[in-house]
Amino acid sequence: MSTRSSVVSPLLPRISNRAIKGIQRGKAQDVAAEQKPGKRTRNWLSAELTARDLMHRCEATLRPEDSIERAARLMTETGDKAIPVVDAAGRLIGIITSRDITMRLIALGASIPHTQVSDCMTAEVFACSAANSLDSCMSAMCWHQVKRIPIVDDEHKVLGTISQRDVAQYLCDHFETVKPEEMVDILWALAS
C-alpha cells in the first residue's frame, strides 16, 4: 500500500463556486488560466497560518491487523470519526472512518467479530505536510473531496489531522478578519 503525500500548492488563491466545479472536473488549470494576469486576488486565509497551527494532535492510530471492534471503540473514546492507519514504523498507510465501517461492512453483511481494519480502510490516503499553509490544506481537501486530511512529517509519520470542522471553527473565531463574500466562498468550499 502506498501513501501519496499531497504537498499541494494553492491552486486558486480564492476558491469560488466556479473554481470548485472546475477542480471537481479535473480542470483546475483551465480555471486558473482564466484569472486575469496582474489581477490581485484576495487571500482569505493568512499565509502564515500552517497545518501545524490548526491541526489536532493525533490521539490514536490503528494498525491494519486491528479489529473493527477496536476501531469503533477508539472512535467512541476519542470522539474522532476518522482514525489514521499506520504501519509498524508509524508511517501513514490509510485511514478508517465511521462511514467506512457502516458502508463497507454493515451494508455488505460482513461478520464484525472477524473483520480487521485492513478489510475496510481507505488505502489511497492523501496527506499534507505540517508546513503546508492552511489554504493549501483546504485546496487538498476540495481536490480530493475529503472532509479530513492527515498531517504528516517528512517521514510520513502522522502528527495530526485537519478537518472541515477545524477550518469552520477557525473562521468563527476570526470572523472579523474575513469579508462576508469571502466567508460565503469558504463555506461553499467546505460544503462541497
N, C-alpha and C. Protein backbone atom coordinates (compact mmCIF):
# COMPACT_ATOMS: atom_id res chain seq x y z
N MET A 1 0.84 -1.18 0.00
CA MET A 1 0.00 0.00 0.00
C MET A 1 0.88 1.24 0.00
N SER A 2 0.57 2.15 -0.82
CA SER A 2 1.40 3.34 -0.91
C SER A 2 0.63 4.54 -0.38
N THR A 3 1.40 5.45 0.17
CA THR A 3 0.82 6.69 0.67
C THR A 3 1.21 7.80 -0.27
N ARG A 4 0.23 8.55 -0.70
CA ARG A 4 0.54 9.70 -1.54
C ARG A 4 0.49 10.91 -0.65
N SER A 5 1.63 11.54 -0.48
CA SER A 5 1.66 12.75 0.32
C SER A 5 1.35 13.91 -0.60
N SER A 6 0.33 14.61 -0.27
CA SER A 6 -0.14 15.67 -1.14
C SER A 6 0.41 17.01 -0.67
N VAL A 7 1.52 17.41 -1.22
CA VAL A 7 2.07 18.71 -0.91
C VAL A 7 1.52 19.64 -1.97
N VAL A 8 0.34 20.12 -1.70
CA VAL A 8 -0.43 20.87 -2.68
C VAL A 8 -0.17 22.35 -2.53
N SER A 9 0.21 22.98 -3.62
CA SER A 9 0.28 24.43 -3.58
C SER A 9 -1.13 24.93 -3.85
N PRO A 10 -1.48 26.07 -3.31
CA PRO A 10 -2.83 26.56 -3.55
C PRO A 10 -3.08 26.70 -5.05
N LEU A 11 -4.04 25.95 -5.55
CA LEU A 11 -4.34 26.00 -6.97
C LEU A 11 -4.99 27.32 -7.34
N LEU A 12 -5.80 27.80 -6.46
CA LEU A 12 -6.51 29.05 -6.70
C LEU A 12 -6.45 29.88 -5.43
N PRO A 13 -6.02 31.12 -5.51
CA PRO A 13 -5.92 31.93 -4.32
C PRO A 13 -7.28 32.15 -3.65
N ARG A 14 -8.33 32.18 -4.43
CA ARG A 14 -9.65 32.40 -3.87
C ARG A 14 -10.57 31.34 -4.45
N ILE A 15 -11.12 30.50 -3.59
CA ILE A 15 -11.97 29.43 -4.07
C ILE A 15 -13.37 29.98 -4.28
N SER A 16 -13.86 29.87 -5.49
CA SER A 16 -15.20 30.33 -5.81
C SER A 16 -16.01 29.13 -6.30
N ASN A 17 -17.30 29.30 -6.44
CA ASN A 17 -18.16 28.22 -6.93
C ASN A 17 -17.64 27.69 -8.25
N ARG A 18 -17.28 28.58 -9.15
CA ARG A 18 -16.80 28.20 -10.47
C ARG A 18 -15.49 27.42 -10.36
N ALA A 19 -14.61 27.86 -9.47
CA ALA A 19 -13.33 27.18 -9.30
C ALA A 19 -13.52 25.79 -8.73
N ILE A 20 -14.41 25.64 -7.77
CA ILE A 20 -14.66 24.33 -7.17
C ILE A 20 -15.17 23.36 -8.21
N LYS A 21 -16.12 23.81 -9.03
CA LYS A 21 -16.65 22.93 -10.08
C LYS A 21 -15.54 22.53 -11.05
N GLY A 22 -14.66 23.47 -11.37
CA GLY A 22 -13.54 23.17 -12.26
C GLY A 22 -12.59 22.17 -11.64
N ILE A 23 -12.31 22.32 -10.37
CA ILE A 23 -11.43 21.39 -9.68
C ILE A 23 -12.06 20.01 -9.66
N GLN A 24 -13.35 19.94 -9.34
CA GLN A 24 -14.02 18.66 -9.26
C GLN A 24 -14.03 17.95 -10.61
N ARG A 25 -14.01 18.68 -11.69
CA ARG A 25 -13.97 18.06 -13.02
C ARG A 25 -12.53 17.84 -13.50
N GLY A 26 -11.58 18.17 -12.64
CA GLY A 26 -10.18 17.97 -13.02
C GLY A 26 -9.66 19.03 -13.96
N LYS A 27 -10.29 20.20 -13.96
CA LYS A 27 -9.88 21.25 -14.89
C LYS A 27 -9.35 22.45 -14.13
N ALA A 28 -8.58 22.19 -13.09
CA ALA A 28 -8.07 23.29 -12.28
C ALA A 28 -7.19 24.24 -13.09
N GLN A 29 -6.44 23.69 -14.04
CA GLN A 29 -5.57 24.55 -14.84
C GLN A 29 -6.39 25.49 -15.71
N ASP A 30 -7.51 25.01 -16.24
CA ASP A 30 -8.37 25.87 -17.06
C ASP A 30 -8.92 27.02 -16.24
N VAL A 31 -9.33 26.72 -15.02
CA VAL A 31 -9.90 27.76 -14.16
C VAL A 31 -8.82 28.77 -13.79
N ALA A 32 -7.62 28.27 -13.45
CA ALA A 32 -6.53 29.16 -13.08
C ALA A 32 -6.12 30.04 -14.26
N ALA A 33 -6.17 29.49 -15.47
CA ALA A 33 -5.78 30.25 -16.66
C ALA A 33 -6.74 31.39 -16.94
N GLU A 34 -7.98 31.26 -16.47
CA GLU A 34 -8.97 32.30 -16.69
C GLU A 34 -8.74 33.53 -15.80
N GLN A 35 -7.88 33.37 -14.78
CA GLN A 35 -7.56 34.51 -13.94
C GLN A 35 -6.83 35.55 -14.80
N LYS A 36 -7.20 36.78 -14.67
CA LYS A 36 -6.56 37.82 -15.47
C LYS A 36 -5.14 38.07 -14.96
N PRO A 37 -4.17 38.16 -15.87
CA PRO A 37 -2.79 38.44 -15.46
C PRO A 37 -2.72 39.78 -14.75
N GLY A 38 -1.96 39.81 -13.68
CA GLY A 38 -1.77 41.06 -12.94
C GLY A 38 -2.90 41.40 -12.00
N LYS A 39 -3.99 40.67 -12.07
CA LYS A 39 -5.11 40.96 -11.18
C LYS A 39 -4.80 40.41 -9.79
N ARG A 40 -4.92 41.26 -8.79
CA ARG A 40 -4.67 40.81 -7.42
C ARG A 40 -5.87 40.02 -6.92
N THR A 41 -5.58 38.87 -6.35
CA THR A 41 -6.64 38.08 -5.76
C THR A 41 -6.50 38.13 -4.26
N ARG A 42 -7.61 37.99 -3.58
CA ARG A 42 -7.59 38.04 -2.12
C ARG A 42 -7.16 36.69 -1.57
N ASN A 43 -6.39 36.73 -0.53
CA ASN A 43 -6.01 35.52 0.17
C ASN A 43 -6.75 35.54 1.49
N TRP A 44 -7.85 34.78 1.58
CA TRP A 44 -8.71 34.86 2.73
C TRP A 44 -8.21 34.11 3.94
N LEU A 45 -7.20 33.27 3.80
CA LEU A 45 -6.58 32.63 4.95
C LEU A 45 -5.15 33.12 5.06
N SER A 46 -4.76 33.47 6.25
CA SER A 46 -3.44 34.03 6.48
C SER A 46 -2.36 33.12 5.91
N ALA A 47 -1.45 33.71 5.16
CA ALA A 47 -0.36 32.95 4.54
C ALA A 47 0.56 32.35 5.61
N GLU A 48 0.60 32.98 6.78
CA GLU A 48 1.47 32.49 7.85
C GLU A 48 0.86 31.29 8.58
N LEU A 49 -0.42 31.08 8.43
CA LEU A 49 -1.11 30.00 9.14
C LEU A 49 -0.81 28.67 8.46
N THR A 50 -0.21 27.75 9.20
CA THR A 50 0.17 26.45 8.64
C THR A 50 -0.70 25.33 9.21
N ALA A 51 -0.57 24.17 8.62
CA ALA A 51 -1.30 22.99 9.10
C ALA A 51 -0.95 22.71 10.55
N ARG A 52 0.31 22.90 10.92
CA ARG A 52 0.74 22.65 12.30
C ARG A 52 -0.03 23.53 13.28
N ASP A 53 -0.37 24.76 12.86
CA ASP A 53 -1.07 25.69 13.74
C ASP A 53 -2.50 25.27 14.03
N LEU A 54 -3.14 24.63 13.09
CA LEU A 54 -4.57 24.33 13.21
C LEU A 54 -4.87 22.86 13.48
N MET A 55 -3.93 21.98 13.21
CA MET A 55 -4.21 20.55 13.32
C MET A 55 -4.48 20.13 14.76
N HIS A 56 -5.27 19.07 14.86
CA HIS A 56 -5.48 18.41 16.14
C HIS A 56 -4.47 17.28 16.22
N ARG A 57 -3.77 17.24 17.31
CA ARG A 57 -2.80 16.14 17.50
C ARG A 57 -3.53 14.82 17.44
N CYS A 58 -2.88 13.84 16.87
CA CYS A 58 -3.47 12.52 16.72
C CYS A 58 -3.44 11.81 18.08
N GLU A 59 -4.63 11.55 18.62
CA GLU A 59 -4.72 10.85 19.90
C GLU A 59 -4.56 9.35 19.74
N ALA A 60 -4.94 8.84 18.60
CA ALA A 60 -4.91 7.40 18.39
C ALA A 60 -4.65 7.07 16.93
N THR A 61 -3.99 5.96 16.73
CA THR A 61 -3.82 5.41 15.38
C THR A 61 -4.17 3.93 15.46
N LEU A 62 -4.39 3.34 14.33
CA LEU A 62 -4.69 1.92 14.25
C LEU A 62 -3.70 1.24 13.33
N ARG A 63 -3.57 -0.06 13.49
CA ARG A 63 -2.76 -0.89 12.59
C ARG A 63 -3.71 -1.68 11.71
N PRO A 64 -3.30 -2.10 10.52
CA PRO A 64 -4.19 -2.82 9.61
C PRO A 64 -4.76 -4.10 10.22
N GLU A 65 -4.01 -4.76 11.09
CA GLU A 65 -4.46 -6.02 11.68
C GLU A 65 -5.37 -5.84 12.90
N ASP A 66 -5.59 -4.60 13.34
CA ASP A 66 -6.51 -4.36 14.46
C ASP A 66 -7.93 -4.73 14.06
N SER A 67 -8.72 -5.07 15.06
CA SER A 67 -10.11 -5.45 14.79
C SER A 67 -10.97 -4.21 14.55
N ILE A 68 -12.06 -4.41 13.84
CA ILE A 68 -13.03 -3.33 13.62
C ILE A 68 -13.63 -2.90 14.95
N GLU A 69 -13.82 -3.85 15.86
CA GLU A 69 -14.35 -3.50 17.18
C GLU A 69 -13.42 -2.52 17.89
N ARG A 70 -12.12 -2.75 17.80
CA ARG A 70 -11.15 -1.81 18.41
C ARG A 70 -11.26 -0.45 17.75
N ALA A 71 -11.40 -0.43 16.44
CA ALA A 71 -11.53 0.84 15.71
C ALA A 71 -12.77 1.60 16.18
N ALA A 72 -13.89 0.90 16.28
CA ALA A 72 -15.13 1.55 16.71
C ALA A 72 -15.02 2.06 18.15
N ARG A 73 -14.37 1.27 19.02
CA ARG A 73 -14.16 1.72 20.42
C ARG A 73 -13.31 2.98 20.47
N LEU A 74 -12.22 3.00 19.68
CA LEU A 74 -11.35 4.18 19.65
C LEU A 74 -12.11 5.41 19.16
N MET A 75 -12.94 5.24 18.15
CA MET A 75 -13.73 6.36 17.64
C MET A 75 -14.67 6.89 18.73
N THR A 76 -15.25 5.99 19.49
CA THR A 76 -16.14 6.39 20.58
C THR A 76 -15.37 7.09 21.69
N GLU A 77 -14.23 6.54 22.07
CA GLU A 77 -13.43 7.10 23.16
C GLU A 77 -12.85 8.47 22.82
N THR A 78 -12.36 8.62 21.59
CA THR A 78 -11.69 9.87 21.21
C THR A 78 -12.65 10.90 20.63
N GLY A 79 -13.81 10.46 20.17
CA GLY A 79 -14.75 11.37 19.51
C GLY A 79 -14.38 11.64 18.06
N ASP A 80 -13.34 10.97 17.55
CA ASP A 80 -12.92 11.13 16.16
C ASP A 80 -13.71 10.17 15.27
N LYS A 81 -14.18 10.68 14.14
CA LYS A 81 -14.91 9.84 13.19
C LYS A 81 -13.98 9.24 12.16
N ALA A 82 -12.71 9.60 12.22
CA ALA A 82 -11.70 9.07 11.29
C ALA A 82 -10.40 8.89 12.06
N ILE A 83 -9.80 7.72 11.87
CA ILE A 83 -8.54 7.42 12.57
C ILE A 83 -7.51 6.96 11.55
N PRO A 84 -6.32 7.56 11.57
CA PRO A 84 -5.27 7.15 10.65
C PRO A 84 -4.82 5.71 10.93
N VAL A 85 -4.45 5.00 9.86
CA VAL A 85 -3.92 3.64 9.96
C VAL A 85 -2.44 3.74 9.60
N VAL A 86 -1.60 3.15 10.46
CA VAL A 86 -0.15 3.27 10.28
C VAL A 86 0.49 1.89 10.20
N ASP A 87 1.70 1.85 9.61
CA ASP A 87 2.45 0.60 9.57
C ASP A 87 3.27 0.46 10.85
N ALA A 88 4.11 -0.57 10.93
CA ALA A 88 4.90 -0.84 12.14
C ALA A 88 5.84 0.31 12.49
N ALA A 89 6.26 1.07 11.50
CA ALA A 89 7.16 2.21 11.73
C ALA A 89 6.40 3.50 12.05
N GLY A 90 5.07 3.44 12.07
CA GLY A 90 4.26 4.62 12.37
C GLY A 90 3.97 5.50 11.18
N ARG A 91 4.27 5.01 9.95
CA ARG A 91 4.00 5.79 8.75
C ARG A 91 2.56 5.58 8.29
N LEU A 92 1.97 6.64 7.79
CA LEU A 92 0.59 6.62 7.31
C LEU A 92 0.43 5.68 6.12
N ILE A 93 -0.53 4.74 6.22
CA ILE A 93 -0.81 3.84 5.09
C ILE A 93 -2.30 3.83 4.73
N GLY A 94 -3.11 4.50 5.53
CA GLY A 94 -4.54 4.52 5.24
C GLY A 94 -5.30 5.29 6.30
N ILE A 95 -6.61 5.28 6.17
CA ILE A 95 -7.49 5.93 7.14
C ILE A 95 -8.78 5.13 7.19
N ILE A 96 -9.38 5.06 8.36
CA ILE A 96 -10.66 4.39 8.50
C ILE A 96 -11.64 5.35 9.15
N THR A 97 -12.82 5.42 8.60
CA THR A 97 -13.85 6.32 9.12
C THR A 97 -15.05 5.51 9.59
N SER A 98 -15.90 6.17 10.36
CA SER A 98 -17.13 5.51 10.80
C SER A 98 -17.98 5.15 9.58
N ARG A 99 -17.91 5.96 8.56
CA ARG A 99 -18.67 5.68 7.33
C ARG A 99 -18.12 4.44 6.62
N ASP A 100 -16.79 4.27 6.64
CA ASP A 100 -16.19 3.06 6.07
C ASP A 100 -16.76 1.82 6.75
N ILE A 101 -16.82 1.88 8.07
CA ILE A 101 -17.34 0.73 8.83
C ILE A 101 -18.79 0.48 8.46
N THR A 102 -19.57 1.53 8.44
CA THR A 102 -21.00 1.38 8.13
C THR A 102 -21.24 0.91 6.71
N MET A 103 -20.67 1.60 5.76
CA MET A 103 -20.97 1.32 4.36
C MET A 103 -20.29 0.05 3.84
N ARG A 104 -19.06 -0.17 4.25
CA ARG A 104 -18.33 -1.31 3.69
C ARG A 104 -18.59 -2.62 4.42
N LEU A 105 -18.92 -2.54 5.70
CA LEU A 105 -19.10 -3.78 6.44
C LEU A 105 -20.55 -4.11 6.72
N ILE A 106 -21.22 -3.21 7.37
CA ILE A 106 -22.60 -3.49 7.76
C ILE A 106 -23.48 -3.64 6.53
N ALA A 107 -23.34 -2.75 5.57
CA ALA A 107 -24.16 -2.83 4.36
C ALA A 107 -23.92 -4.13 3.58
N LEU A 108 -22.72 -4.65 3.68
CA LEU A 108 -22.40 -5.90 2.97
C LEU A 108 -22.67 -7.14 3.81
N GLY A 109 -23.07 -6.94 5.06
CA GLY A 109 -23.36 -8.07 5.93
C GLY A 109 -22.13 -8.82 6.39
N ALA A 110 -21.01 -8.14 6.53
CA ALA A 110 -19.76 -8.77 6.95
C ALA A 110 -19.84 -9.18 8.42
N SER A 111 -19.07 -10.16 8.77
CA SER A 111 -19.01 -10.65 10.15
C SER A 111 -18.09 -9.74 10.95
N ILE A 112 -18.66 -8.89 11.76
CA ILE A 112 -17.91 -7.88 12.51
C ILE A 112 -16.81 -8.48 13.40
N PRO A 113 -17.08 -9.54 14.18
CA PRO A 113 -16.02 -10.06 15.06
C PRO A 113 -14.78 -10.57 14.33
N HIS A 114 -14.92 -10.90 13.04
CA HIS A 114 -13.79 -11.46 12.30
C HIS A 114 -13.18 -10.48 11.30
N THR A 115 -13.58 -9.22 11.38
CA THR A 115 -13.13 -8.23 10.40
C THR A 115 -12.01 -7.39 10.96
N GLN A 116 -11.03 -7.14 10.12
CA GLN A 116 -9.89 -6.30 10.51
C GLN A 116 -10.01 -4.92 9.86
N VAL A 117 -9.25 -3.98 10.39
CA VAL A 117 -9.21 -2.62 9.84
C VAL A 117 -8.84 -2.66 8.37
N SER A 118 -7.91 -3.52 7.98
CA SER A 118 -7.47 -3.60 6.58
C SER A 118 -8.60 -4.00 5.62
N ASP A 119 -9.64 -4.62 6.15
CA ASP A 119 -10.76 -5.04 5.31
C ASP A 119 -11.63 -3.88 4.83
N CYS A 120 -11.59 -2.76 5.54
CA CYS A 120 -12.48 -1.67 5.12
C CYS A 120 -11.84 -0.28 5.15
N MET A 121 -10.56 -0.19 5.46
CA MET A 121 -9.91 1.13 5.47
C MET A 121 -9.74 1.65 4.05
N THR A 122 -9.56 2.94 3.93
CA THR A 122 -9.24 3.55 2.65
C THR A 122 -7.72 3.59 2.56
N ALA A 123 -7.18 2.83 1.60
CA ALA A 123 -5.73 2.73 1.48
C ALA A 123 -5.13 3.88 0.68
N GLU A 124 -5.91 4.45 -0.23
CA GLU A 124 -5.40 5.58 -1.00
C GLU A 124 -5.70 6.85 -0.23
N VAL A 125 -4.78 7.19 0.64
CA VAL A 125 -4.98 8.33 1.53
C VAL A 125 -4.09 9.48 1.10
N PHE A 126 -4.59 10.69 1.26
CA PHE A 126 -3.85 11.88 0.89
C PHE A 126 -3.52 12.64 2.16
N ALA A 127 -2.35 13.21 2.19
CA ALA A 127 -1.90 13.92 3.39
C ALA A 127 -1.23 15.22 3.01
N CYS A 128 -1.12 16.11 3.98
CA CYS A 128 -0.38 17.35 3.82
C CYS A 128 0.75 17.38 4.84
N SER A 129 1.74 18.14 4.53
CA SER A 129 2.86 18.34 5.44
C SER A 129 2.46 19.35 6.51
N ALA A 130 3.07 19.25 7.68
CA ALA A 130 2.78 20.19 8.76
C ALA A 130 3.15 21.62 8.37
N ALA A 131 4.06 21.78 7.41
CA ALA A 131 4.48 23.10 6.98
C ALA A 131 3.58 23.71 5.91
N ASN A 132 2.66 22.92 5.34
CA ASN A 132 1.75 23.45 4.33
C ASN A 132 0.88 24.55 4.92
N SER A 133 0.50 25.50 4.07
CA SER A 133 -0.40 26.56 4.52
C SER A 133 -1.80 25.98 4.70
N LEU A 134 -2.61 26.64 5.51
CA LEU A 134 -3.98 26.21 5.69
C LEU A 134 -4.74 26.29 4.37
N ASP A 135 -4.46 27.30 3.57
CA ASP A 135 -5.06 27.45 2.25
C ASP A 135 -4.75 26.21 1.40
N SER A 136 -3.52 25.75 1.46
CA SER A 136 -3.11 24.56 0.72
C SER A 136 -3.85 23.32 1.21
N CYS A 137 -4.04 23.20 2.51
CA CYS A 137 -4.77 22.06 3.07
C CYS A 137 -6.22 22.07 2.61
N MET A 138 -6.83 23.26 2.60
CA MET A 138 -8.22 23.38 2.12
C MET A 138 -8.30 22.99 0.65
N SER A 139 -7.34 23.44 -0.14
CA SER A 139 -7.33 23.08 -1.57
C SER A 139 -7.22 21.57 -1.73
N ALA A 140 -6.39 20.94 -0.92
CA ALA A 140 -6.22 19.48 -0.98
C ALA A 140 -7.52 18.78 -0.60
N MET A 141 -8.20 19.25 0.44
CA MET A 141 -9.47 18.63 0.84
C MET A 141 -10.51 18.76 -0.26
N CYS A 142 -10.57 19.94 -0.89
CA CYS A 142 -11.52 20.15 -2.00
C CYS A 142 -11.15 19.27 -3.19
N TRP A 143 -9.88 19.24 -3.53
CA TRP A 143 -9.42 18.49 -4.69
C TRP A 143 -9.72 17.00 -4.54
N HIS A 144 -9.42 16.45 -3.35
CA HIS A 144 -9.61 15.02 -3.11
C HIS A 144 -10.99 14.68 -2.57
N GLN A 145 -11.81 15.70 -2.36
CA GLN A 145 -13.18 15.56 -1.87
C GLN A 145 -13.23 14.75 -0.58
N VAL A 146 -12.44 15.20 0.41
CA VAL A 146 -12.43 14.58 1.73
C VAL A 146 -12.75 15.64 2.78
N LYS A 147 -13.28 15.20 3.89
CA LYS A 147 -13.66 16.11 4.97
C LYS A 147 -12.56 16.29 6.00
N ARG A 148 -11.57 15.42 5.94
CA ARG A 148 -10.48 15.44 6.91
C ARG A 148 -9.22 15.00 6.20
N ILE A 149 -8.11 15.64 6.54
CA ILE A 149 -6.85 15.25 5.90
C ILE A 149 -5.77 15.06 6.97
N PRO A 150 -5.04 13.94 6.90
CA PRO A 150 -3.95 13.73 7.87
C PRO A 150 -2.79 14.68 7.60
N ILE A 151 -2.11 15.04 8.67
CA ILE A 151 -0.92 15.89 8.58
C ILE A 151 0.27 15.02 9.00
N VAL A 152 1.28 14.99 8.14
CA VAL A 152 2.42 14.11 8.38
C VAL A 152 3.73 14.89 8.40
N ASP A 153 4.75 14.26 8.99
CA ASP A 153 6.09 14.86 8.98
C ASP A 153 6.82 14.40 7.72
N ASP A 154 8.11 14.70 7.63
CA ASP A 154 8.88 14.35 6.43
C ASP A 154 9.03 12.85 6.22
N GLU A 155 8.85 12.06 7.28
CA GLU A 155 8.96 10.61 7.18
C GLU A 155 7.58 9.94 7.03
N HIS A 156 6.55 10.73 6.78
CA HIS A 156 5.16 10.27 6.61
C HIS A 156 4.56 9.73 7.90
N LYS A 157 5.11 10.13 9.03
CA LYS A 157 4.53 9.74 10.32
C LYS A 157 3.44 10.75 10.68
N VAL A 158 2.33 10.23 11.17
CA VAL A 158 1.16 11.06 11.44
C VAL A 158 1.40 11.96 12.64
N LEU A 159 1.17 13.25 12.42
CA LEU A 159 1.25 14.23 13.50
C LEU A 159 -0.14 14.60 14.01
N GLY A 160 -1.09 14.67 13.08
CA GLY A 160 -2.44 15.08 13.45
C GLY A 160 -3.35 15.08 12.24
N THR A 161 -4.49 15.75 12.38
CA THR A 161 -5.44 15.87 11.27
C THR A 161 -6.04 17.27 11.27
N ILE A 162 -6.50 17.67 10.10
CA ILE A 162 -7.28 18.90 9.97
C ILE A 162 -8.58 18.50 9.30
N SER A 163 -9.68 18.98 9.86
CA SER A 163 -10.98 18.67 9.28
C SER A 163 -11.67 19.95 8.82
N GLN A 164 -12.72 19.78 8.05
CA GLN A 164 -13.50 20.93 7.63
C GLN A 164 -14.05 21.66 8.87
N ARG A 165 -14.38 20.90 9.88
CA ARG A 165 -14.88 21.50 11.12
C ARG A 165 -13.82 22.40 11.76
N ASP A 166 -12.56 21.98 11.73
CA ASP A 166 -11.48 22.80 12.28
C ASP A 166 -11.38 24.14 11.55
N VAL A 167 -11.51 24.09 10.22
CA VAL A 167 -11.44 25.32 9.43
C VAL A 167 -12.64 26.21 9.74
N ALA A 168 -13.83 25.60 9.83
CA ALA A 168 -15.04 26.38 10.16
C ALA A 168 -14.90 27.02 11.54
N GLN A 169 -14.35 26.28 12.49
CA GLN A 169 -14.17 26.82 13.84
C GLN A 169 -13.18 27.99 13.83
N TYR A 170 -12.12 27.84 13.06
CA TYR A 170 -11.15 28.92 12.93
C TYR A 170 -11.82 30.17 12.37
N LEU A 171 -12.65 29.98 11.35
CA LEU A 171 -13.35 31.12 10.74
C LEU A 171 -14.30 31.79 11.73
N CYS A 172 -14.99 30.98 12.51
CA CYS A 172 -15.91 31.55 13.52
C CYS A 172 -15.12 32.34 14.56
N ASP A 173 -13.97 31.83 14.95
CA ASP A 173 -13.15 32.51 15.96
C ASP A 173 -12.50 33.78 15.42
N HIS A 174 -12.33 33.87 14.09
CA HIS A 174 -11.65 35.01 13.47
C HIS A 174 -12.52 35.69 12.42
N PHE A 175 -13.83 35.67 12.62
CA PHE A 175 -14.76 36.18 11.61
C PHE A 175 -14.53 37.64 11.25
N GLU A 176 -13.97 38.42 12.17
CA GLU A 176 -13.78 39.84 11.89
C GLU A 176 -12.70 40.10 10.84
N THR A 177 -11.87 39.11 10.55
CA THR A 177 -10.80 39.29 9.56
C THR A 177 -11.20 38.82 8.17
N VAL A 178 -12.40 38.23 8.03
CA VAL A 178 -12.83 37.69 6.75
C VAL A 178 -14.05 38.47 6.26
N LYS A 179 -13.99 38.91 5.03
CA LYS A 179 -15.12 39.65 4.45
C LYS A 179 -16.29 38.71 4.21
N PRO A 180 -17.53 39.22 4.30
CA PRO A 180 -18.71 38.35 4.13
C PRO A 180 -18.72 37.55 2.83
N GLU A 181 -18.37 38.17 1.70
CA GLU A 181 -18.38 37.43 0.43
C GLU A 181 -17.31 36.35 0.41
N GLU A 182 -16.19 36.59 1.11
CA GLU A 182 -15.15 35.58 1.18
C GLU A 182 -15.60 34.43 2.09
N MET A 183 -16.32 34.77 3.15
CA MET A 183 -16.85 33.75 4.06
C MET A 183 -17.78 32.80 3.30
N VAL A 184 -18.60 33.35 2.42
CA VAL A 184 -19.51 32.52 1.62
C VAL A 184 -18.71 31.55 0.76
N ASP A 185 -17.66 32.04 0.10
CA ASP A 185 -16.81 31.17 -0.73
C ASP A 185 -16.19 30.07 0.10
N ILE A 186 -15.69 30.40 1.29
CA ILE A 186 -15.04 29.42 2.14
C ILE A 186 -16.04 28.36 2.58
N LEU A 187 -17.22 28.80 3.03
CA LEU A 187 -18.24 27.87 3.48
C LEU A 187 -18.71 26.98 2.33
N TRP A 188 -18.80 27.55 1.14
CA TRP A 188 -19.19 26.75 -0.03
C TRP A 188 -18.13 25.68 -0.31
N ALA A 189 -16.87 26.07 -0.20
CA ALA A 189 -15.77 25.11 -0.41
C ALA A 189 -15.83 24.00 0.62
N LEU A 190 -16.13 24.34 1.86
CA LEU A 190 -16.23 23.33 2.90
C LEU A 190 -17.39 22.37 2.66
N ALA A 191 -18.47 22.90 2.12
CA ALA A 191 -19.67 22.07 1.91
C ALA A 191 -19.56 21.20 0.68
N SER A 192 -18.63 21.47 -0.22
CA SER A 192 -18.52 20.72 -1.48
C SER A 192 -17.81 19.41 -1.29
